[in-house]
């Protein structure tokens, strides 16, 4: 959620973390506000245009993290992020669309697709675009992608389904623009779902073995496609 913050502020915060734990810090950069519009404006009064400058903000942040001078003519060119050090955090671009994939590819950065936001829609397209347009960087000569998946697991199928009703009800509200607290399974059980809501609900709760198989199928399928793509390019 980089548009909420100053690139220099983020760079210095993560340089501090990296100084405390060298080589163990990852920094994920996303363009989406992650909240409603009012909250976005409360965090950044320029929220209406901040997302448009995401690529430039990523560029500046990377320069400050790596101790490099900002581009010629930049008003903050003389500023250096503190503290300095021999290592820098691992930067990832986070996204749920083609946009983030293209930003990651342009800067030669790892890319993580937010499967949990889109329920997988657009994942293959974004990851393919990322690999096809990737520009090798010194730190990452080859594309490196990951998929972030939401999962619910419990000791039994019945318990998993019961716990999942909380997210089920919350997700339906979020899709209507209602950003409420996560309801309890009891609150969800008391909710009367419309026929339209029932059609939109996809139960994902499962016992651990089922969750493991589902996750493996999702990730391994994309890994196989990635491997095939790399072989076709070699």
C-alpha atoms as a PDB file:
ATOM      1  CA  UNK A   1       0.000   0.000   0.000  1.00  0.00           C
ATOM      2  CA  UNK A   2       2.810   2.335  -0.961  1.00  0.00           C
ATOM      3  CA  UNK A   3       0.485   5.206  -2.066  1.00  0.00           C
ATOM      4  CA  UNK A   4      -0.348   5.749   1.626  1.00  0.00           C
ATOM      5  CA  UNK A   5       3.242   6.655   2.473  1.00  0.00           C
ATOM      6  CA  UNK A   6       6.358   8.566   1.486  1.00  0.00           C
ATOM      7  CA  UNK A   7       8.919   6.431  -0.330  1.00  0.00           C
ATOM      8  CA  UNK A   8      11.665   7.871   1.886  1.00  0.00           C
ATOM      9  CA  UNK A   9       9.735   7.025   5.058  1.00  0.00           C
ATOM     10  CA  UNK A  10       9.263   3.409   3.948  1.00  0.00           C
ATOM     11  CA  UNK A  11      12.888   3.126   2.818  1.00  0.00           C
ATOM     12  CA  UNK A  12      14.230   4.301   6.181  1.00  0.00           C
ATOM     13  CA  UNK A  13      11.847   2.126   8.202  1.00  0.00           C
ATOM     14  CA  UNK A  14      12.907  -0.964   6.298  1.00  0.00           C
ATOM     15  CA  UNK A  15      16.577  -0.051   6.365  1.00  0.00           C
ATOM     16  CA  UNK A  16      16.267   0.002  10.159  1.00  0.00           C
ATOM     17  CA  UNK A  17      14.626  -3.438  10.107  1.00  0.00           C
ATOM     18  CA  UNK A  18      17.342  -4.729   7.784  1.00  0.00           C
ATOM     19  CA  UNK A  19      20.036  -3.365  10.094  1.00  0.00           C
ATOM     20  CA  UNK A  20      18.470  -5.309  12.969  1.00  0.00           C
ATOM     21  CA  UNK A  21      18.050  -8.523  10.966  1.00  0.00           C
ATOM     22  CA  UNK A  22      20.313  -8.368   7.893  1.00  0.00           C
ATOM     23  CA  UNK A  23      19.207 -10.501   4.976  1.00  0.00           C
ATOM     24  CA  UNK A  24      15.934 -11.501   6.633  1.00  0.00           C
ATOM     25  CA  UNK A  25      13.614  -8.651   5.661  1.00  0.00           C
ATOM     26  CA  UNK A  26      11.195  -8.677   2.726  1.00  0.00           C
ATOM     27  CA  UNK A  27       9.374  -5.535   1.572  1.00  0.00           C
ATOM     28  CA  UNK A  28       6.158  -6.013  -0.396  1.00  0.00           C
ATOM     29  CA  UNK A  29       4.934  -3.000  -2.380  1.00  0.00           C
ATOM     30  CA  UNK A  30       1.346  -2.745  -3.559  1.00  0.00           C
ATOM     31  CA  UNK A  31      -0.580  -0.031  -5.357  1.00  0.00           C
ATOM     32  CA  UNK A  32      -4.105  -0.737  -4.056  1.00  0.00           C
ATOM     33  CA  UNK A  33      -5.382   1.320  -1.084  1.00  0.00           C
ATOM     34  CA  UNK A  34      -6.496  -1.787   0.812  1.00  0.00           C
ATOM     35  CA  UNK A  35      -9.401   0.090   2.370  1.00  0.00           C
ATOM     36  CA  UNK A  36     -12.316   2.362   1.585  1.00  0.00           C
ATOM     37  CA  UNK A  37     -11.806   5.735  -0.080  1.00  0.00           C
ATOM     38  CA  UNK A  38     -12.372   7.773   3.066  1.00  0.00           C
ATOM     39  CA  UNK A  39      -9.672   5.891   4.974  1.00  0.00           C
ATOM     40  CA  UNK A  40      -7.305   6.253   2.028  1.00  0.00           C
ATOM     41  CA  UNK A  41      -7.775  10.029   2.098  1.00  0.00           C
ATOM     42  CA  UNK A  42      -7.255  10.090   5.867  1.00  0.00           C
ATOM     43  CA  UNK A  43      -3.906   8.354   5.377  1.00  0.00           C
ATOM     44  CA  UNK A  44      -2.895  10.488   2.412  1.00  0.00           C
ATOM     45  CA  UNK A  45      -4.741  13.676   1.374  1.00  0.00           C
ATOM     46  CA  UNK A  46      -3.366  13.131  -2.172  1.00  0.00           C
ATOM     47  CA  UNK A  47      -4.891   9.666  -2.391  1.00  0.00           C
ATOM     48  CA  UNK A  48      -6.756  10.541  -5.578  1.00  0.00           C
ATOM     49  CA  UNK A  49      -3.493  10.815  -7.537  1.00  0.00           C
ATOM     50  CA  UNK A  50      -0.993   8.845  -5.428  1.00  0.00           C
ATOM     51  CA  UNK A  51      -1.663   5.526  -7.174  1.00  0.00           C
ATOM     52  CA  UNK A  52      -0.889   7.111 -10.553  1.00  0.00           C
ATOM     53  CA  UNK A  53       2.679   7.742  -9.361  1.00  0.00           C
ATOM     54  CA  UNK A  54       3.242   4.195  -8.084  1.00  0.00           C
ATOM     55  CA  UNK A  55       6.008   3.294 -10.589  1.00  0.00           C
ATOM     56  CA  UNK A  56       7.944   6.475  -9.757  1.00  0.00           C
ATOM     57  CA  UNK A  57       7.465   5.847  -6.040  1.00  0.00           C
ATOM     58  CA  UNK A  58       8.843   2.306  -6.471  1.00  0.00           C
ATOM     59  CA  UNK A  59      11.831   3.671  -8.410  1.00  0.00           C
ATOM     60  CA  UNK A  60      12.649   6.234  -5.713  1.00  0.00           C
ATOM     61  CA  UNK A  61      12.183   3.710  -2.928  1.00  0.00           C
ATOM     62  CA  UNK A  62      14.562   1.232  -4.569  1.00  0.00           C
ATOM     63  CA  UNK A  63      17.201   3.942  -5.023  1.00  0.00           C
ATOM     64  CA  UNK A  64      16.942   4.992  -1.387  1.00  0.00           C
ATOM     65  CA  UNK A  65      17.056   1.391  -0.169  1.00  0.00           C
ATOM     66  CA  UNK A  66      20.182   0.671  -2.203  1.00  0.00           C
ATOM     67  CA  UNK A  67      21.932   3.937  -1.348  1.00  0.00           C
ATOM     68  CA  UNK A  68      21.785   5.176  -4.941  1.00  0.00           C
ATOM     69  CA  UNK A  69      21.319   8.752  -6.097  1.00  0.00           C
ATOM     70  CA  UNK A  70      17.855   9.588  -7.369  1.00  0.00           C
ATOM     71  CA  UNK A  71      17.291  10.404 -11.037  1.00  0.00           C
ATOM     72  CA  UNK A  72      18.636  13.644 -12.516  1.00  0.00           C
ATOM     73  CA  UNK A  73      16.454  16.636 -11.723  1.00  0.00           C
ATOM     74  CA  UNK A  74      14.652  14.974  -8.807  1.00  0.00           C
ATOM     75  CA  UNK A  75      13.876  17.536  -6.061  1.00  0.00           C
ATOM     76  CA  UNK A  76      15.084  15.101  -3.370  1.00  0.00           C
ATOM     77  CA  UNK A  77      18.198  13.969  -5.210  1.00  0.00           C
ATOM     78  CA  UNK A  78      20.584  15.013  -2.422  1.00  0.00           C
ATOM     79  CA  UNK A  79      18.740  13.113   0.320  1.00  0.00           C
ATOM     80  CA  UNK A  80      20.125   9.786   1.543  1.00  0.00           C
ATOM     81  CA  UNK A  81      18.075   7.186   3.406  1.00  0.00           C
ATOM     82  CA  UNK A  82      19.408   6.191   6.830  1.00  0.00           C
ATOM     83  CA  UNK A  83      20.832   4.041   8.263  1.00  0.00           C
ATOM     84  CA  UNK A  84      23.281   2.787   5.672  1.00  0.00           C
ATOM     85  CA  UNK A  85      24.443  -0.813   5.594  1.00  0.00           C
ATOM     86  CA  UNK A  86      25.894  -3.610   3.465  1.00  0.00           C
ATOM     87  CA  UNK A  87      22.557  -5.345   2.842  1.00  0.00           C
ATOM     88  CA  UNK A  88      19.101  -4.269   1.675  1.00  0.00           C
ATOM     89  CA  UNK A  89      15.611  -5.753   2.065  1.00  0.00           C
ATOM     90  CA  UNK A  90      14.227  -8.049  -0.624  1.00  0.00           C
ATOM     91  CA  UNK A  91      11.653  -6.030  -2.580  1.00  0.00           C
ATOM     92  CA  UNK A  92       8.528  -7.660  -4.018  1.00  0.00           C
ATOM     93  CA  UNK A  93       5.706  -6.171  -6.039  1.00  0.00           C
ATOM     94  CA  UNK A  94       2.287  -7.305  -4.820  1.00  0.00           C
ATOM     95  CA  UNK A  95      -0.710  -7.222  -7.129  1.00  0.00           C
ATOM     96  CA  UNK A  96      -4.003  -8.736  -8.192  1.00  0.00           C
ATOM     97  CA  UNK A  97      -3.979  -7.575 -11.822  1.00  0.00           C
ATOM     98  CA  UNK A  98      -1.801  -7.119 -14.886  1.00  0.00           C
ATOM     99  CA  UNK A  99      -0.682  -3.710 -13.611  1.00  0.00           C
ATOM    100  CA  UNK A 100       1.438  -5.009 -10.750  1.00  0.00           C
ATOM    101  CA  UNK A 101       2.857  -7.729 -12.984  1.00  0.00           C
ATOM    102  CA  UNK A 102       4.058  -5.128 -15.482  1.00  0.00           C
ATOM    103  CA  UNK A 103       5.620  -2.935 -12.778  1.00  0.00           C
ATOM    104  CA  UNK A 104       7.490  -5.932 -11.350  1.00  0.00           C
ATOM    105  CA  UNK A 105       8.658  -6.995 -14.807  1.00  0.00           C
ATOM    106  CA  UNK A 106       9.854  -3.483 -15.675  1.00  0.00           C
ATOM    107  CA  UNK A 107      11.976  -3.125 -12.536  1.00  0.00           C
ATOM    108  CA  UNK A 108      13.215  -6.719 -12.567  1.00  0.00           C
ATOM    109  CA  UNK A 109      11.593  -7.537  -9.222  1.00  0.00           C
ATOM    110  CA  UNK A 110       9.848 -10.628  -7.823  1.00  0.00           C
ATOM    111  CA  UNK A 111       6.058 -10.575  -8.192  1.00  0.00           C
ATOM    112  CA  UNK A 112       3.401 -12.032  -5.883  1.00  0.00           C
ATOM    113  CA  UNK A 113      -0.142 -12.418  -7.213  1.00  0.00           C
ATOM    114  CA  UNK A 114      -2.951 -11.909  -4.669  1.00  0.00           C
ATOM    115  CA  UNK A 115      -5.004 -14.999  -5.468  1.00  0.00           C
ATOM    116  CA  UNK A 116      -7.029 -14.452  -2.274  1.00  0.00           C
ATOM    117  CA  UNK A 117      -8.422 -11.156  -3.593  1.00  0.00           C
ATOM    118  CA  UNK A 118      -9.606 -12.353  -7.002  1.00  0.00           C
ATOM    119  CA  UNK A 119     -10.188 -16.025  -6.117  1.00  0.00           C
ATOM    120  CA  UNK A 120      -7.630 -16.782  -8.803  1.00  0.00           C
ATOM    121  CA  UNK A 121      -9.223 -14.827 -11.625  1.00  0.00           C
ATOM    122  CA  UNK A 122      -6.543 -13.279 -13.801  1.00  0.00           C
ATOM    123  CA  UNK A 123      -3.653 -15.119 -12.142  1.00  0.00           C
ATOM    124  CA  UNK A 124      -2.468 -17.015 -15.200  1.00  0.00           C
ATOM    125  CA  UNK A 125      -2.726 -13.938 -17.410  1.00  0.00           C
ATOM    126  CA  UNK A 126      -0.818 -11.740 -14.962  1.00  0.00           C
ATOM    127  CA  UNK A 127       1.938 -14.293 -14.348  1.00  0.00           C
ATOM    128  CA  UNK A 128       2.352 -14.959 -18.063  1.00  0.00           C
ATOM    129  CA  UNK A 129       2.592 -11.237 -18.787  1.00  0.00           C
ATOM    130  CA  UNK A 130       5.134 -10.872 -15.975  1.00  0.00           C
ATOM    131  CA  UNK A 131       7.391 -13.564 -17.436  1.00  0.00           C
ATOM    132  CA  UNK A 132       7.043 -12.442 -21.042  1.00  0.00           C
ATOM    133  CA  UNK A 133       7.887  -8.795 -20.328  1.00  0.00           C
ATOM    134  CA  UNK A 134      10.463  -9.355 -17.585  1.00  0.00           C
ATOM    135  CA  UNK A 135      13.589  -7.182 -17.730  1.00  0.00           C
ATOM    136  CA  UNK A 136      16.499  -8.930 -15.948  1.00  0.00           C
ATOM    137  CA  UNK A 137      18.056  -6.995 -13.077  1.00  0.00           C
ATOM    138  CA  UNK A 138      21.384  -7.450 -11.324  1.00  0.00           C
ATOM    139  CA  UNK A 139      19.743  -8.958  -8.264  1.00  0.00           C
ATOM    140  CA  UNK A 140      17.162 -10.977 -10.168  1.00  0.00           C
ATOM    141  CA  UNK A 141      18.395 -12.080 -13.605  1.00  0.00           C
ATOM    142  CA  UNK A 142      15.313 -14.296 -14.011  1.00  0.00           C
ATOM    143  CA  UNK A 143      11.636 -13.730 -13.104  1.00  0.00           C
ATOM    144  CA  UNK A 144      10.550 -14.984  -9.685  1.00  0.00           C
ATOM    145  CA  UNK A 145       6.829 -15.299  -8.971  1.00  0.00           C
ATOM    146  CA  UNK A 146       4.655 -16.426  -6.076  1.00  0.00           C
ATOM    147  CA  UNK A 147       0.925 -16.845  -5.486  1.00  0.00           C
ATOM    148  CA  UNK A 148      -0.681 -15.790  -2.193  1.00  0.00           C
ATOM    149  CA  UNK A 149      -3.661 -18.046  -1.450  1.00  0.00           C
ATOM    150  CA  UNK A 150      -6.239 -17.746   1.341  1.00  0.00           C
ATOM    151  CA  UNK A 151      -7.046 -21.086   2.995  1.00  0.00           C
ATOM    152  CA  UNK A 152      -9.173 -22.392   5.841  1.00  0.00           C
ATOM    153  CA  UNK A 153      -8.324 -25.696   7.488  1.00  0.00           C
ATOM    154  CA  UNK A 154      -9.627 -27.513  10.559  1.00  0.00           C
ATOM    155  CA  UNK A 155      -9.581 -30.973  12.109  1.00  0.00           C
ATOM    156  CA  UNK A 156     -12.819 -31.937  10.375  1.00  0.00           C
ATOM    157  CA  UNK A 157     -14.742 -30.879   7.279  1.00  0.00           C
ATOM    158  CA  UNK A 158     -17.680 -29.826   9.463  1.00  0.00           C
ATOM    159  CA  UNK A 159     -15.528 -27.597  11.680  1.00  0.00           C
ATOM    160  CA  UNK A 160     -13.775 -26.045   8.666  1.00  0.00           C
ATOM    161  CA  UNK A 161     -17.130 -25.235   7.071  1.00  0.00           C
ATOM    162  CA  UNK A 162     -18.383 -23.708  10.348  1.00  0.00           C
ATOM    163  CA  UNK A 163     -15.321 -21.485  10.734  1.00  0.00           C
ATOM    164  CA  UNK A 164     -15.437 -20.486   7.080  1.00  0.00           C
ATOM    165  CA  UNK A 165     -18.902 -18.994   7.459  1.00  0.00           C
ATOM    166  CA  UNK A 166     -17.267 -15.985   9.161  1.00  0.00           C
ATOM    167  CA  UNK A 167     -15.206 -15.112   6.108  1.00  0.00           C
ATOM    168  CA  UNK A 168     -18.079 -16.084   3.844  1.00  0.00           C
ATOM    169  CA  UNK A 169     -20.335 -13.444   5.398  1.00  0.00           C
ATOM    170  CA  UNK A 170     -17.534 -10.875   5.639  1.00  0.00           C
ATOM    171  CA  UNK A 171     -16.600 -11.326   1.965  1.00  0.00           C
ATOM    172  CA  UNK A 172     -20.184 -10.811   0.829  1.00  0.00           C
ATOM    173  CA  UNK A 173     -20.294  -7.568   2.811  1.00  0.00           C
ATOM    174  CA  UNK A 174     -16.953  -6.384   1.447  1.00  0.00           C
ATOM    175  CA  UNK A 175     -18.136  -6.962  -2.113  1.00  0.00           C
ATOM    176  CA  UNK A 176     -21.030  -4.594  -1.345  1.00  0.00           C
ATOM    177  CA  UNK A 177     -18.637  -1.968   0.041  1.00  0.00           C
ATOM    178  CA  UNK A 178     -19.312  -2.811   3.700  1.00  0.00           C
ATOM    179  CA  UNK A 179     -15.989  -3.009   5.580  1.00  0.00           C
ATOM    180  CA  UNK A 180     -17.151  -4.452   8.878  1.00  0.00           C
ATOM    181  CA  UNK A 181     -15.355  -6.529  11.487  1.00  0.00           C
ATOM    182  CA  UNK A 182     -15.134 -10.270  10.911  1.00  0.00           C
ATOM    183  CA  UNK A 183     -18.357 -11.798  12.274  1.00  0.00           C
ATOM    184  CA  UNK A 184     -18.346 -14.844  14.518  1.00  0.00           C
ATOM    185  CA  UNK A 185     -19.544 -18.197  13.164  1.00  0.00           C
ATOM    186  CA  UNK A 186     -22.627 -17.763  15.351  1.00  0.00           C
ATOM    187  CA  UNK A 187     -23.423 -14.404  13.766  1.00  0.00           C
ATOM    188  CA  UNK A 188     -22.922 -15.870  10.330  1.00  0.00           C
ATOM    189  CA  UNK A 189     -25.198 -18.807  11.119  1.00  0.00           C
ATOM    190  CA  UNK A 190     -27.975 -16.398  12.095  1.00  0.00           C
ATOM    191  CA  UNK A 191     -27.682 -14.468   8.825  1.00  0.00           C
ATOM    192  CA  UNK A 192     -30.376 -15.052   6.221  1.00  0.00           C
ATOM    193  CA  UNK A 193     -28.697 -15.349   2.821  1.00  0.00           C
ATOM    194  CA  UNK A 194     -30.520 -14.337  -0.344  1.00  0.00           C
ATOM    195  CA  UNK A 195     -30.502 -16.649  -3.349  1.00  0.00           C
ATOM    196  CA  UNK A 196     -28.026 -14.324  -5.071  1.00  0.00           C
ATOM    197  CA  UNK A 197     -25.697 -14.427  -2.061  1.00  0.00           C
ATOM    198  CA  UNK A 198     -25.884 -18.220  -1.923  1.00  0.00           C
ATOM    199  CA  UNK A 199     -24.809 -18.381  -5.555  1.00  0.00           C
ATOM    200  CA  UNK A 200     -21.749 -16.231  -4.848  1.00  0.00           C
ATOM    201  CA  UNK A 201     -20.595 -18.242  -1.876  1.00  0.00           C
ATOM    202  CA  UNK A 202     -17.897 -20.790  -2.518  1.00  0.00           C
ATOM    203  CA  UNK A 203     -17.116 -22.986   0.445  1.00  0.00           C
ATOM    204  CA  UNK A 204     -13.372 -23.489   0.785  1.00  0.00           C
ATOM    205  CA  UNK A 205     -13.185 -25.018   4.284  1.00  0.00           C
ATOM    206  CA  UNK A 206     -11.598 -28.450   4.321  1.00  0.00           C
ATOM    207  CA  UNK A 207      -9.716 -30.964   6.399  1.00  0.00           C
ATOM    208  CA  UNK A 208      -5.913 -30.522   6.328  1.00  0.00           C
ATOM    209  CA  UNK A 209      -5.285 -33.275   3.758  1.00  0.00           C
ATOM    210  CA  UNK A 210      -7.834 -31.780   1.371  1.00  0.00           C
ATOM    211  CA  UNK A 211      -6.465 -28.256   1.852  1.00  0.00           C
ATOM    212  CA  UNK A 212      -2.955 -29.526   1.167  1.00  0.00           C
ATOM    213  CA  UNK A 213      -4.016 -31.246  -2.056  1.00  0.00           C
ATOM    214  CA  UNK A 214      -5.922 -28.172  -3.231  1.00  0.00           C
ATOM    215  CA  UNK A 215      -3.035 -25.815  -2.490  1.00  0.00           C
ATOM    216  CA  UNK A 216      -0.533 -28.149  -4.160  1.00  0.00           C
ATOM    217  CA  UNK A 217      -2.700 -28.439  -7.263  1.00  0.00           C
ATOM    218  CA  UNK A 218      -3.015 -24.659  -7.505  1.00  0.00           C
ATOM    219  CA  UNK A 219       0.665 -23.907  -7.047  1.00  0.00           C
ATOM    220  CA  UNK A 220       2.146 -26.900  -8.861  1.00  0.00           C
ATOM    221  CA  UNK A 221      -0.045 -26.312 -11.886  1.00  0.00           C
ATOM    222  CA  UNK A 222       1.297 -22.786 -12.215  1.00  0.00           C
ATOM    223  CA  UNK A 223       4.850 -24.002 -11.517  1.00  0.00           C
ATOM    224  CA  UNK A 224       4.579 -26.522 -14.360  1.00  0.00           C
ATOM    225  CA  UNK A 225       3.341 -23.819 -16.729  1.00  0.00           C
ATOM    226  CA  UNK A 226       6.195 -21.575 -15.614  1.00  0.00           C
ATOM    227  CA  UNK A 227       8.749 -24.333 -16.235  1.00  0.00           C
ATOM    228  CA  UNK A 228       7.300 -25.068 -19.670  1.00  0.00           C
ATOM    229  CA  UNK A 229       7.435 -21.380 -20.543  1.00  0.00           C
ATOM    230  CA  UNK A 230      11.070 -21.060 -19.480  1.00  0.00           C
ATOM    231  CA  UNK A 231      12.033 -24.125 -21.530  1.00  0.00           C
ATOM    232  CA  UNK A 232      10.262 -22.743 -24.578  1.00  0.00           C
ATOM    233  CA  UNK A 233      12.281 -19.525 -24.258  1.00  0.00           C
ATOM    234  CA  UNK A 234      15.655 -21.244 -23.849  1.00  0.00           C
END
